[in-house]
N, C-alpha and C. Protein backbone atom coordinates (compact mmCIF):
# COMPACT_ATOMS: atom_id res chain seq x y z
N MET A 1 -0.15 -18.51 -42.95
CA MET A 1 -0.20 -19.76 -43.68
C MET A 1 0.12 -19.48 -45.15
N LYS A 2 0.95 -20.31 -45.70
CA LYS A 2 1.32 -20.12 -47.09
C LYS A 2 0.19 -20.56 -48.01
N THR A 3 0.11 -19.85 -49.11
CA THR A 3 -0.90 -20.25 -50.08
C THR A 3 -0.41 -21.49 -50.83
N LEU A 4 -1.32 -22.14 -51.46
CA LEU A 4 -0.99 -23.34 -52.23
C LEU A 4 0.05 -23.01 -53.30
N TRP A 5 -0.12 -21.86 -53.96
CA TRP A 5 0.82 -21.49 -55.03
C TRP A 5 2.23 -21.25 -54.50
N GLN A 6 2.35 -20.69 -53.30
CA GLN A 6 3.67 -20.48 -52.71
C GLN A 6 4.34 -21.82 -52.40
N ARG A 7 3.57 -22.77 -51.93
CA ARG A 7 4.12 -24.09 -51.63
C ARG A 7 4.55 -24.81 -52.90
N ILE A 8 3.73 -24.69 -53.97
CA ILE A 8 4.07 -25.31 -55.25
C ILE A 8 5.34 -24.67 -55.81
N GLU A 9 5.44 -23.36 -55.70
CA GLU A 9 6.63 -22.67 -56.21
C GLU A 9 7.89 -23.16 -55.49
N LYS A 10 7.82 -23.31 -54.18
CA LYS A 10 8.97 -23.78 -53.42
C LYS A 10 9.33 -25.22 -53.82
N LEU A 11 8.33 -26.06 -54.03
CA LEU A 11 8.56 -27.43 -54.46
C LEU A 11 9.22 -27.47 -55.83
N MET A 12 8.73 -26.66 -56.76
CA MET A 12 9.31 -26.63 -58.10
C MET A 12 10.74 -26.10 -58.08
N THR A 13 11.04 -25.18 -57.18
CA THR A 13 12.40 -24.69 -57.03
C THR A 13 13.32 -25.82 -56.58
N ALA A 14 12.86 -26.61 -55.61
CA ALA A 14 13.64 -27.75 -55.14
C ALA A 14 13.84 -28.77 -56.25
N VAL A 15 12.82 -29.01 -57.05
CA VAL A 15 12.92 -29.96 -58.17
C VAL A 15 13.97 -29.48 -59.17
N THR A 16 13.96 -28.18 -59.46
CA THR A 16 14.92 -27.63 -60.41
C THR A 16 16.35 -27.83 -59.94
N PHE A 17 16.60 -27.58 -58.66
CA PHE A 17 17.94 -27.79 -58.11
C PHE A 17 18.32 -29.26 -58.17
N ALA A 18 17.38 -30.14 -57.86
CA ALA A 18 17.67 -31.58 -57.89
C ALA A 18 18.01 -32.03 -59.31
N GLU A 19 17.27 -31.54 -60.30
CA GLU A 19 17.55 -31.90 -61.68
C GLU A 19 18.92 -31.41 -62.14
N ALA A 20 19.38 -30.29 -61.57
CA ALA A 20 20.68 -29.73 -61.93
C ALA A 20 21.82 -30.40 -61.16
N GLY A 21 21.49 -31.40 -60.35
CA GLY A 21 22.51 -32.11 -59.60
C GLY A 21 22.82 -31.50 -58.24
N GLU A 22 22.09 -30.49 -57.86
CA GLU A 22 22.29 -29.83 -56.56
C GLU A 22 21.33 -30.45 -55.54
N HIS A 23 21.57 -31.71 -55.24
CA HIS A 23 20.66 -32.46 -54.38
C HIS A 23 20.59 -31.90 -52.96
N GLU A 24 21.73 -31.51 -52.41
CA GLU A 24 21.73 -30.99 -51.04
C GLU A 24 20.96 -29.68 -50.95
N THR A 25 21.08 -28.82 -51.96
CA THR A 25 20.33 -27.57 -51.97
C THR A 25 18.83 -27.86 -52.02
N ALA A 26 18.45 -28.83 -52.83
CA ALA A 26 17.03 -29.21 -52.91
C ALA A 26 16.53 -29.71 -51.56
N ARG A 27 17.36 -30.51 -50.88
CA ARG A 27 16.97 -31.01 -49.56
C ARG A 27 16.82 -29.86 -48.56
N GLU A 28 17.72 -28.89 -48.62
CA GLU A 28 17.64 -27.74 -47.72
C GLU A 28 16.35 -26.96 -47.95
N ILE A 29 15.99 -26.78 -49.19
CA ILE A 29 14.75 -26.06 -49.52
C ILE A 29 13.55 -26.81 -48.95
N MET A 30 13.56 -28.11 -49.08
CA MET A 30 12.44 -28.90 -48.56
C MET A 30 12.43 -28.90 -47.03
N ARG A 31 13.60 -28.94 -46.40
CA ARG A 31 13.66 -28.87 -44.94
C ARG A 31 13.13 -27.53 -44.45
N GLU A 32 13.47 -26.47 -45.17
CA GLU A 32 12.99 -25.14 -44.82
C GLU A 32 11.47 -25.12 -44.87
N GLU A 33 10.91 -25.78 -45.85
CA GLU A 33 9.46 -25.85 -45.98
C GLU A 33 8.86 -26.58 -44.78
N GLU A 34 9.49 -27.66 -44.34
CA GLU A 34 8.98 -28.42 -43.20
C GLU A 34 8.99 -27.57 -41.93
N LYS A 35 10.02 -26.77 -41.75
CA LYS A 35 10.14 -25.94 -40.54
C LYS A 35 9.06 -24.87 -40.49
N THR A 36 8.67 -24.35 -41.63
CA THR A 36 7.69 -23.27 -41.64
C THR A 36 6.26 -23.77 -41.63
N ASP A 37 6.07 -25.07 -41.83
CA ASP A 37 4.71 -25.61 -41.79
C ASP A 37 4.15 -25.51 -40.38
N ARG A 38 2.88 -25.29 -40.32
CA ARG A 38 2.18 -25.22 -39.06
C ARG A 38 2.07 -26.62 -38.46
N PRO A 39 2.29 -26.79 -37.17
CA PRO A 39 2.11 -28.12 -36.59
C PRO A 39 0.65 -28.54 -36.69
N ARG A 40 0.45 -29.79 -36.95
CA ARG A 40 -0.92 -30.28 -37.08
C ARG A 40 -1.50 -30.55 -35.70
N PRO A 41 -2.76 -30.24 -35.51
CA PRO A 41 -3.37 -30.49 -34.20
C PRO A 41 -3.48 -31.99 -33.95
N ALA A 42 -3.47 -32.33 -32.67
CA ALA A 42 -3.60 -33.74 -32.30
C ALA A 42 -4.98 -34.24 -32.73
N LYS A 43 -5.03 -35.50 -33.12
CA LYS A 43 -6.29 -36.08 -33.56
C LYS A 43 -7.22 -36.22 -32.38
N ARG A 44 -8.45 -35.83 -32.58
CA ARG A 44 -9.44 -35.94 -31.53
C ARG A 44 -9.92 -37.39 -31.43
N PRO A 45 -10.22 -37.83 -30.23
CA PRO A 45 -10.70 -39.21 -30.09
C PRO A 45 -12.06 -39.36 -30.77
N ASP A 46 -12.25 -40.51 -31.38
CA ASP A 46 -13.53 -40.78 -32.04
C ASP A 46 -14.62 -40.95 -31.00
N ARG A 47 -15.74 -40.38 -31.29
CA ARG A 47 -16.89 -40.55 -30.39
C ARG A 47 -17.90 -41.43 -31.09
N THR A 48 -18.32 -42.44 -30.40
CA THR A 48 -19.30 -43.36 -30.96
C THR A 48 -20.69 -42.94 -30.47
N LEU A 49 -21.57 -42.71 -31.41
CA LEU A 49 -22.94 -42.37 -31.06
C LEU A 49 -23.74 -43.65 -30.93
N ARG A 50 -24.46 -43.73 -29.83
CA ARG A 50 -25.26 -44.94 -29.58
C ARG A 50 -26.70 -44.54 -29.38
N ALA A 51 -27.56 -45.34 -29.95
CA ALA A 51 -28.99 -45.10 -29.75
C ALA A 51 -29.37 -45.57 -28.34
N SER A 52 -30.26 -44.82 -27.72
CA SER A 52 -30.69 -45.23 -26.39
C SER A 52 -31.63 -46.42 -26.51
N SER A 53 -31.62 -47.25 -25.49
CA SER A 53 -32.50 -48.42 -25.52
C SER A 53 -33.93 -47.97 -25.25
N PRO A 54 -34.93 -48.73 -25.71
CA PRO A 54 -36.34 -48.31 -25.62
C PRO A 54 -36.80 -47.98 -24.21
N GLY A 55 -36.23 -48.56 -23.19
CA GLY A 55 -36.68 -48.33 -21.82
C GLY A 55 -36.08 -47.09 -21.18
N GLN A 56 -35.25 -46.36 -21.86
CA GLN A 56 -34.56 -45.22 -21.21
C GLN A 56 -35.08 -43.92 -21.68
């Protein structure tokens, strides 16, 4: 897993290329970042906690 600083560095690199007019290079850098990201786990279903009724 990449550290936060590594991700910020990659983002700033893409920004620099975009500012210099190299938009496609910036997009490639960002796409590369997306490919290396870990897939997010599926969301777990919400469980509702219910109090038992007095007779149970």
